[in-house]
Amino acid sequence: MFKKNNLKNLSLLVTALTSLLLSPAIVAKESDKTVEFLNTKPSSSRLPFSEIVRLENTLYLSGQIGLDPATKKLANGGFKAEADQTMKNIKQTMQAHGYNMEQVVKCTVMLTDIADFKAFNQVYTQYFSPPYPARSAFAVNQLALNSSVEVECIAAAFN
């Protein structure tokens, strides 16, 4: 009899814990209503990603490369020109959605040649000032359109 009651109590405990563990999923599903997928142009929606996803006060920017919006080609002039265009693209994307570079709190930098790290920092510091956003940087084998650099950002948008 004692063992049966213990099993029954254990079963009730497991059921209660399962209910508690599943309740955050319900809350998360309800908060999905605050997710916005932001794109500046209809052509952007043909790509399999959004320019920015806003979840409450957090902005997630898709990675940007040094693609010149006018020519649809990578910026000419070497790594620094491409890095500068990458940062311009981030700034323009933020501004197009009503945000600014001061709201960026984290950047992830991907370089096809880690030797470009110092040159990237020279460009990066033209777009941010202290206190700088948190940042990670690493070398990758290859990037889209044979770009040398890609940067993605997270920003905080407080009204």
N, C-alpha and C. Protein backbone atom coordinates (compact mmCIF):
# COMPACT_ATOMS: atom_id res chain seq x y z
N MET A 1 0.82 -1.19 0.00
CA MET A 1 0.00 0.00 0.00
C MET A 1 0.87 1.26 0.00
N PHE A 2 1.92 1.26 0.84
CA PHE A 2 2.79 2.42 0.93
C PHE A 2 3.45 2.72 -0.42
N LYS A 3 3.89 1.68 -1.13
CA LYS A 3 4.54 1.85 -2.42
C LYS A 3 3.57 2.40 -3.46
N LYS A 4 2.32 1.95 -3.40
CA LYS A 4 1.31 2.44 -4.34
C LYS A 4 1.07 3.93 -4.15
N ASN A 5 0.98 4.38 -2.91
CA ASN A 5 0.78 5.80 -2.63
C ASN A 5 1.97 6.63 -3.09
N ASN A 6 3.18 6.10 -2.89
CA ASN A 6 4.37 6.80 -3.36
C ASN A 6 4.36 6.96 -4.87
N LEU A 7 3.96 5.91 -5.57
CA LEU A 7 3.88 5.99 -7.04
C LEU A 7 2.83 6.99 -7.48
N LYS A 8 1.71 6.99 -6.76
CA LYS A 8 0.64 7.94 -7.10
C LYS A 8 1.12 9.37 -6.84
N ASN A 9 1.78 9.60 -5.72
CA ASN A 9 2.31 10.92 -5.40
C ASN A 9 3.38 11.34 -6.41
N LEU A 10 4.22 10.41 -6.78
CA LEU A 10 5.25 10.69 -7.78
C LEU A 10 4.61 11.06 -9.11
N SER A 11 3.57 10.35 -9.48
CA SER A 11 2.85 10.65 -10.71
C SER A 11 2.25 12.05 -10.68
N LEU A 12 1.65 12.42 -9.55
CA LEU A 12 1.08 13.77 -9.39
C LEU A 12 2.17 14.83 -9.46
N LEU A 13 3.31 14.56 -8.84
CA LEU A 13 4.43 15.49 -8.85
C LEU A 13 4.96 15.69 -10.27
N VAL A 14 5.12 14.61 -11.01
CA VAL A 14 5.57 14.70 -12.40
C VAL A 14 4.58 15.50 -13.24
N THR A 15 3.30 15.27 -13.04
CA THR A 15 2.27 16.01 -13.78
C THR A 15 2.35 17.50 -13.45
N ALA A 16 2.51 17.83 -12.18
CA ALA A 16 2.59 19.24 -11.76
C ALA A 16 3.84 19.90 -12.34
N LEU A 17 4.97 19.22 -12.26
CA LEU A 17 6.21 19.77 -12.81
C LEU A 17 6.13 19.96 -14.32
N THR A 18 5.53 19.01 -15.00
CA THR A 18 5.36 19.11 -16.44
C THR A 18 4.52 20.34 -16.78
N SER A 19 3.46 20.57 -16.03
CA SER A 19 2.61 21.74 -16.26
C SER A 19 3.39 23.03 -16.07
N LEU A 20 4.21 23.07 -15.01
CA LEU A 20 5.02 24.26 -14.76
C LEU A 20 6.05 24.49 -15.85
N LEU A 21 6.67 23.42 -16.30
CA LEU A 21 7.69 23.55 -17.34
C LEU A 21 7.10 23.96 -18.67
N LEU A 22 5.89 23.55 -18.96
CA LEU A 22 5.27 23.89 -20.24
C LEU A 22 4.65 25.28 -20.24
N SER A 23 4.37 25.85 -19.09
CA SER A 23 3.73 27.16 -19.05
C SER A 23 4.56 28.27 -19.68
N PRO A 24 5.91 28.32 -19.56
CA PRO A 24 6.66 29.36 -20.26
C PRO A 24 6.48 29.30 -21.78
N ALA A 25 6.29 28.10 -22.32
CA ALA A 25 6.07 27.99 -23.76
C ALA A 25 4.79 28.71 -24.16
N ILE A 26 3.79 28.64 -23.32
CA ILE A 26 2.54 29.33 -23.61
C ILE A 26 2.75 30.84 -23.55
N VAL A 27 3.48 31.30 -22.54
CA VAL A 27 3.77 32.73 -22.42
C VAL A 27 4.57 33.20 -23.63
N ALA A 28 5.57 32.41 -24.03
CA ALA A 28 6.38 32.79 -25.19
C ALA A 28 5.51 32.87 -26.44
N LYS A 29 4.58 31.93 -26.58
CA LYS A 29 3.70 31.96 -27.74
C LYS A 29 2.84 33.22 -27.73
N GLU A 30 2.34 33.60 -26.56
CA GLU A 30 1.54 34.82 -26.47
C GLU A 30 2.38 36.05 -26.78
N SER A 31 3.65 36.06 -26.37
CA SER A 31 4.49 37.24 -26.62
C SER A 31 4.93 37.31 -28.08
N ASP A 32 4.72 36.24 -28.86
CA ASP A 32 5.05 36.28 -30.28
C ASP A 32 4.33 37.41 -30.99
N LYS A 33 3.23 37.90 -30.43
CA LYS A 33 2.47 38.99 -31.04
C LYS A 33 3.31 40.25 -31.15
N THR A 34 4.38 40.36 -30.35
CA THR A 34 5.21 41.56 -30.37
C THR A 34 6.38 41.44 -31.35
N VAL A 35 6.47 40.37 -32.10
CA VAL A 35 7.55 40.20 -33.07
C VAL A 35 7.18 40.92 -34.36
N GLU A 36 8.12 41.75 -34.85
CA GLU A 36 7.92 42.44 -36.13
C GLU A 36 9.07 42.07 -37.06
N PHE A 37 8.74 41.81 -38.32
CA PHE A 37 9.74 41.51 -39.34
C PHE A 37 9.79 42.72 -40.26
N LEU A 38 10.91 43.46 -40.21
CA LEU A 38 11.02 44.75 -40.89
C LEU A 38 11.89 44.66 -42.14
N ASN A 39 11.36 45.14 -43.24
CA ASN A 39 12.09 45.23 -44.51
C ASN A 39 11.80 46.58 -45.14
N THR A 40 12.82 47.21 -45.73
CA THR A 40 12.63 48.54 -46.31
C THR A 40 12.00 48.49 -47.69
N LYS A 41 12.29 47.44 -48.45
CA LYS A 41 11.78 47.37 -49.82
C LYS A 41 11.06 46.05 -50.05
N PRO A 42 10.08 46.06 -50.95
CA PRO A 42 9.42 44.79 -51.28
C PRO A 42 10.41 43.74 -51.79
N SER A 43 11.46 44.19 -52.50
CA SER A 43 12.44 43.23 -53.04
C SER A 43 13.16 42.51 -51.91
N SER A 44 13.28 43.17 -50.75
CA SER A 44 13.94 42.53 -49.61
C SER A 44 13.18 41.30 -49.16
N SER A 45 11.86 41.33 -49.31
CA SER A 45 11.06 40.20 -48.85
C SER A 45 11.25 38.97 -49.72
N ARG A 46 11.86 39.12 -50.90
CA ARG A 46 12.13 37.94 -51.75
C ARG A 46 13.31 37.14 -51.22
N LEU A 47 14.14 37.76 -50.41
CA LEU A 47 15.26 37.05 -49.81
C LEU A 47 14.74 36.23 -48.63
N PRO A 48 15.39 35.12 -48.32
CA PRO A 48 14.87 34.26 -47.25
C PRO A 48 15.24 34.73 -45.84
N PHE A 49 15.25 36.04 -45.62
CA PHE A 49 15.49 36.60 -44.29
C PHE A 49 14.97 38.03 -44.26
N SER A 50 14.75 38.55 -43.07
CA SER A 50 14.32 39.93 -42.88
C SER A 50 15.53 40.80 -42.58
N GLU A 51 15.45 42.09 -42.91
CA GLU A 51 16.54 43.01 -42.58
C GLU A 51 16.69 43.13 -41.07
N ILE A 52 15.56 43.31 -40.39
CA ILE A 52 15.55 43.44 -38.94
C ILE A 52 14.35 42.66 -38.40
N VAL A 53 14.57 41.98 -37.31
CA VAL A 53 13.46 41.38 -36.56
C VAL A 53 13.44 42.10 -35.21
N ARG A 54 12.28 42.64 -34.88
CA ARG A 54 12.14 43.33 -33.60
C ARG A 54 11.29 42.46 -32.68
N LEU A 55 11.85 42.15 -31.53
CA LEU A 55 11.13 41.42 -30.49
C LEU A 55 11.11 42.33 -29.27
N GLU A 56 9.97 42.92 -29.02
CA GLU A 56 9.81 43.91 -27.96
C GLU A 56 10.84 45.01 -28.16
N ASN A 57 11.80 45.20 -27.24
CA ASN A 57 12.76 46.30 -27.37
C ASN A 57 14.10 45.87 -27.97
N THR A 58 14.17 44.66 -28.50
CA THR A 58 15.42 44.17 -29.05
C THR A 58 15.32 44.05 -30.56
N LEU A 59 16.33 44.58 -31.25
CA LEU A 59 16.40 44.51 -32.71
C LEU A 59 17.50 43.54 -33.09
N TYR A 60 17.20 42.62 -33.99
CA TYR A 60 18.18 41.68 -34.52
C TYR A 60 18.38 42.02 -35.99
N LEU A 61 19.55 42.53 -36.34
CA LEU A 61 19.84 42.89 -37.72
C LEU A 61 20.50 41.72 -38.42
N SER A 62 20.02 41.41 -39.61
CA SER A 62 20.67 40.38 -40.42
C SER A 62 22.06 40.87 -40.79
N GLY A 63 22.94 39.93 -41.08
CA GLY A 63 24.30 40.29 -41.47
C GLY A 63 24.31 41.17 -42.70
N GLN A 64 25.19 42.15 -42.68
CA GLN A 64 25.38 43.05 -43.81
C GLN A 64 26.77 42.83 -44.39
N ILE A 65 26.86 42.94 -45.70
CA ILE A 65 28.15 42.88 -46.39
C ILE A 65 28.34 44.20 -47.12
N GLY A 66 29.47 44.38 -47.75
CA GLY A 66 29.81 45.63 -48.41
C GLY A 66 29.20 45.81 -49.79
N LEU A 67 27.96 45.43 -49.93
CA LEU A 67 27.25 45.56 -51.21
C LEU A 67 26.81 47.00 -51.40
N ASP A 68 27.23 47.61 -52.50
CA ASP A 68 26.82 48.98 -52.83
C ASP A 68 25.37 48.93 -53.30
N PRO A 69 24.44 49.63 -52.62
CA PRO A 69 23.03 49.57 -53.02
C PRO A 69 22.79 50.08 -54.45
N ALA A 70 23.62 51.01 -54.92
CA ALA A 70 23.43 51.57 -56.26
C ALA A 70 23.82 50.59 -57.36
N THR A 71 24.92 49.86 -57.15
CA THR A 71 25.43 48.97 -58.21
C THR A 71 25.07 47.51 -57.97
N LYS A 72 24.67 47.18 -56.75
CA LYS A 72 24.39 45.79 -56.35
C LYS A 72 25.64 44.92 -56.44
N LYS A 73 26.81 45.56 -56.34
CA LYS A 73 28.10 44.85 -56.36
C LYS A 73 28.88 45.23 -55.11
N LEU A 74 29.86 44.41 -54.77
CA LEU A 74 30.71 44.74 -53.63
C LEU A 74 31.46 46.03 -53.91
N ALA A 75 31.65 46.83 -52.87
CA ALA A 75 32.35 48.11 -53.00
C ALA A 75 33.76 47.89 -53.56
N ASN A 76 34.16 48.76 -54.47
CA ASN A 76 35.51 48.73 -55.04
C ASN A 76 36.48 49.43 -54.10
N GLY A 77 37.74 49.02 -54.15
CA GLY A 77 38.76 49.72 -53.40
C GLY A 77 39.41 48.92 -52.29
N GLY A 78 39.19 47.63 -52.28
CA GLY A 78 39.86 46.80 -51.29
C GLY A 78 39.06 46.59 -50.01
N PHE A 79 39.72 45.99 -49.04
CA PHE A 79 39.04 45.59 -47.81
C PHE A 79 38.41 46.76 -47.08
N LYS A 80 39.16 47.85 -46.89
CA LYS A 80 38.63 48.99 -46.13
C LYS A 80 37.38 49.58 -46.78
N ALA A 81 37.37 49.66 -48.10
CA ALA A 81 36.20 50.19 -48.81
C ALA A 81 35.00 49.26 -48.60
N GLU A 82 35.25 47.97 -48.63
CA GLU A 82 34.18 47.00 -48.43
C GLU A 82 33.67 47.05 -46.98
N ALA A 83 34.59 47.16 -46.03
CA ALA A 83 34.20 47.26 -44.62
C ALA A 83 33.41 48.54 -44.37
N ASP A 84 33.84 49.64 -44.98
CA ASP A 84 33.13 50.91 -44.83
C ASP A 84 31.72 50.81 -45.39
N GLN A 85 31.57 50.18 -46.55
CA GLN A 85 30.24 50.02 -47.14
C GLN A 85 29.37 49.11 -46.26
N THR A 86 29.98 48.11 -45.66
CA THR A 86 29.25 47.23 -44.74
C THR A 86 28.67 48.05 -43.59
N MET A 87 29.50 48.89 -42.99
CA MET A 87 29.04 49.71 -41.86
C MET A 87 28.01 50.75 -42.32
N LYS A 88 28.19 51.30 -43.51
CA LYS A 88 27.18 52.23 -44.05
C LYS A 88 25.84 51.52 -44.22
N ASN A 89 25.89 50.29 -44.70
CA ASN A 89 24.66 49.52 -44.89
C ASN A 89 23.94 49.27 -43.56
N ILE A 90 24.71 49.00 -42.52
CA ILE A 90 24.11 48.82 -41.19
C ILE A 90 23.46 50.12 -40.75
N LYS A 91 24.18 51.21 -40.87
CA LYS A 91 23.66 52.52 -40.47
C LYS A 91 22.40 52.88 -41.25
N GLN A 92 22.43 52.67 -42.57
CA GLN A 92 21.27 52.99 -43.41
C GLN A 92 20.07 52.10 -43.08
N THR A 93 20.32 50.84 -42.81
CA THR A 93 19.23 49.93 -42.44
C THR A 93 18.61 50.37 -41.12
N MET A 94 19.43 50.70 -40.15
CA MET A 94 18.92 51.19 -38.86
C MET A 94 18.09 52.45 -39.07
N GLN A 95 18.63 53.42 -39.81
CA GLN A 95 17.94 54.69 -40.03
C GLN A 95 16.64 54.51 -40.80
N ALA A 96 16.63 53.61 -41.76
CA ALA A 96 15.43 53.37 -42.56
C ALA A 96 14.27 52.88 -41.70
N HIS A 97 14.58 52.29 -40.56
CA HIS A 97 13.54 51.78 -39.66
C HIS A 97 13.38 52.67 -38.43
N GLY A 98 14.02 53.85 -38.45
CA GLY A 98 13.84 54.80 -37.36
C GLY A 98 14.77 54.60 -36.17
N TYR A 99 15.87 53.91 -36.36
CA TYR A 99 16.81 53.66 -35.28
C TYR A 99 18.16 54.28 -35.63
N ASN A 100 19.11 54.23 -34.67
CA ASN A 100 20.43 54.79 -34.94
C ASN A 100 21.53 53.89 -34.38
N MET A 101 22.76 54.21 -34.74
CA MET A 101 23.90 53.37 -34.37
C MET A 101 24.15 53.36 -32.86
N GLU A 102 23.73 54.40 -32.16
CA GLU A 102 23.92 54.44 -30.71
C GLU A 102 23.11 53.35 -30.00
N GLN A 103 22.12 52.80 -30.67
CA GLN A 103 21.29 51.75 -30.07
C GLN A 103 21.90 50.35 -30.23
N VAL A 104 22.96 50.24 -31.01
CA VAL A 104 23.61 48.93 -31.21
C VAL A 104 24.34 48.54 -29.92
N VAL A 105 24.06 47.33 -29.44
CA VAL A 105 24.68 46.85 -28.20
C VAL A 105 25.62 45.66 -28.42
N LYS A 106 25.55 45.03 -29.59
CA LYS A 106 26.39 43.85 -29.87
C LYS A 106 26.59 43.70 -31.36
N CYS A 107 27.82 43.43 -31.78
CA CYS A 107 28.13 43.15 -33.18
C CYS A 107 28.88 41.82 -33.27
N THR A 108 28.60 41.09 -34.32
CA THR A 108 29.36 39.89 -34.64
C THR A 108 30.00 40.14 -35.99
N VAL A 109 31.32 40.04 -36.04
CA VAL A 109 32.09 40.35 -37.24
C VAL A 109 32.69 39.07 -37.79
N MET A 110 32.46 38.83 -39.07
CA MET A 110 33.04 37.68 -39.75
C MET A 110 34.00 38.18 -40.82
N LEU A 111 35.22 37.71 -40.77
CA LEU A 111 36.26 38.11 -41.73
C LEU A 111 36.77 36.88 -42.46
N THR A 112 36.97 37.00 -43.76
CA THR A 112 37.55 35.86 -44.48
C THR A 112 39.06 35.78 -44.29
N ASP A 113 39.66 36.86 -43.78
CA ASP A 113 41.09 36.87 -43.47
C ASP A 113 41.26 37.61 -42.14
N ILE A 114 41.63 36.90 -41.11
CA ILE A 114 41.77 37.50 -39.78
C ILE A 114 42.85 38.58 -39.77
N ALA A 115 43.72 38.58 -40.75
CA ALA A 115 44.74 39.63 -40.87
C ALA A 115 44.09 41.00 -41.11
N ASP A 116 42.82 41.02 -41.54
CA ASP A 116 42.10 42.28 -41.76
C ASP A 116 41.50 42.85 -40.48
N PHE A 117 41.73 42.20 -39.35
CA PHE A 117 41.14 42.62 -38.08
C PHE A 117 41.49 44.06 -37.73
N LYS A 118 42.75 44.43 -37.84
CA LYS A 118 43.19 45.79 -37.51
C LYS A 118 42.55 46.81 -38.46
N ALA A 119 42.54 46.50 -39.74
CA ALA A 119 41.93 47.41 -40.72
C ALA A 119 40.44 47.56 -40.46
N PHE A 120 39.78 46.47 -40.06
CA PHE A 120 38.36 46.56 -39.75
C PHE A 120 38.13 47.48 -38.55
N ASN A 121 38.97 47.36 -37.53
CA ASN A 121 38.83 48.23 -36.36
C ASN A 121 38.95 49.70 -36.72
N GLN A 122 39.81 50.02 -37.68
CA GLN A 122 39.96 51.42 -38.12
C GLN A 122 38.66 51.94 -38.72
N VAL A 123 37.96 51.11 -39.46
CA VAL A 123 36.68 51.50 -40.05
C VAL A 123 35.59 51.52 -38.98
N TYR A 124 35.56 50.49 -38.17
CA TYR A 124 34.52 50.31 -37.14
C TYR A 124 34.44 51.51 -36.21
N THR A 125 35.60 52.03 -35.80
CA THR A 125 35.63 53.15 -34.85
C THR A 125 35.16 54.46 -35.48
N GLN A 126 34.94 54.48 -36.78
CA GLN A 126 34.34 55.66 -37.41
C GLN A 126 32.82 55.65 -37.25
N TYR A 127 32.26 54.51 -36.90
CA TYR A 127 30.80 54.37 -36.78
C TYR A 127 30.34 54.24 -35.33
N PHE A 128 31.24 53.90 -34.43
CA PHE A 128 30.92 53.76 -33.02
C PHE A 128 31.94 54.52 -32.20
N SER A 129 31.51 55.00 -31.05
CA SER A 129 32.44 55.65 -30.13
C SER A 129 32.25 55.03 -28.75
N PRO A 130 33.21 55.24 -27.85
CA PRO A 130 33.08 54.65 -26.52
C PRO A 130 31.83 55.15 -25.81
N PRO A 131 31.17 54.32 -25.05
CA PRO A 131 31.47 52.91 -24.85
C PRO A 131 31.00 52.09 -26.06
N TYR A 132 31.90 51.26 -26.56
CA TYR A 132 31.61 50.48 -27.76
C TYR A 132 30.63 49.34 -27.47
N PRO A 133 29.90 48.91 -28.49
CA PRO A 133 29.06 47.72 -28.32
C PRO A 133 29.93 46.50 -28.00
N ALA A 134 29.35 45.52 -27.35
CA ALA A 134 30.03 44.23 -27.19
C ALA A 134 30.28 43.68 -28.59
N ARG A 135 31.32 42.86 -28.74
CA ARG A 135 31.63 42.40 -30.09
C ARG A 135 32.36 41.07 -30.07
N SER A 136 32.08 40.27 -31.08
CA SER A 136 32.83 39.05 -31.36
C SER A 136 33.35 39.18 -32.78
N ALA A 137 34.52 38.65 -33.03
CA ALA A 137 35.07 38.65 -34.39
C ALA A 137 35.77 37.32 -34.61
N PHE A 138 35.55 36.77 -35.80
CA PHE A 138 36.21 35.50 -36.11
C PHE A 138 36.39 35.36 -37.61
N ALA A 139 37.32 34.48 -37.98
CA ALA A 139 37.59 34.21 -39.38
C ALA A 139 36.67 33.10 -39.87
N VAL A 140 36.23 33.24 -41.11
CA VAL A 140 35.38 32.24 -41.75
C VAL A 140 36.01 31.85 -43.08
N ASN A 141 35.60 30.73 -43.61
CA ASN A 141 36.14 30.25 -44.87
C ASN A 141 35.68 31.09 -46.06
N GLN A 142 34.39 31.44 -46.07
CA GLN A 142 33.84 32.18 -47.21
C GLN A 142 32.55 32.86 -46.78
N LEU A 143 32.23 33.98 -47.45
CA LEU A 143 30.99 34.72 -47.19
C LEU A 143 30.21 34.88 -48.48
N ALA A 144 28.96 35.25 -48.36
CA ALA A 144 28.09 35.45 -49.54
C ALA A 144 28.72 36.43 -50.51
N LEU A 145 28.56 36.15 -51.79
CA LEU A 145 29.06 36.99 -52.88
C LEU A 145 30.56 37.25 -52.80
N ASN A 146 31.29 36.34 -52.15
CA ASN A 146 32.74 36.46 -51.97
C ASN A 146 33.14 37.72 -51.22
N SER A 147 32.28 38.17 -50.35
CA SER A 147 32.58 39.32 -49.50
C SER A 147 33.75 38.98 -48.57
N SER A 148 34.47 40.01 -48.16
CA SER A 148 35.58 39.83 -47.22
C SER A 148 35.14 40.00 -45.77
N VAL A 149 33.98 40.65 -45.58
CA VAL A 149 33.52 40.95 -44.22
C VAL A 149 32.00 40.92 -44.18
N GLU A 150 31.47 40.45 -43.07
CA GLU A 150 30.03 40.51 -42.81
C GLU A 150 29.86 40.87 -41.34
N VAL A 151 28.90 41.74 -41.06
CA VAL A 151 28.64 42.17 -39.68
C VAL A 151 27.15 42.06 -39.41
N GLU A 152 26.81 41.42 -38.30
CA GLU A 152 25.42 41.41 -37.85
C GLU A 152 25.38 42.07 -36.48
N CYS A 153 24.25 42.69 -36.17
CA CYS A 153 24.15 43.47 -34.94
C CYS A 153 22.87 43.17 -34.17
N ILE A 154 22.94 43.45 -32.90
CA ILE A 154 21.77 43.44 -32.02
C ILE A 154 21.69 44.84 -31.43
N ALA A 155 20.50 45.39 -31.40
CA ALA A 155 20.31 46.74 -30.87
C ALA A 155 19.17 46.76 -29.87
N ALA A 156 19.20 47.74 -28.99
CA ALA A 156 18.12 47.94 -28.01
C ALA A 156 17.34 49.18 -28.42
N ALA A 157 16.05 49.01 -28.62
CA ALA A 157 15.19 50.12 -29.07
C ALA A 157 14.23 50.50 -27.96
N PHE A 158 14.61 51.49 -27.18
CA PHE A 158 13.73 51.95 -26.11
C PHE A 158 13.03 53.22 -26.55
N ASN A 159 11.73 53.25 -26.35
CA ASN A 159 10.93 54.41 -26.76
C ASN A 159 10.92 55.46 -25.68
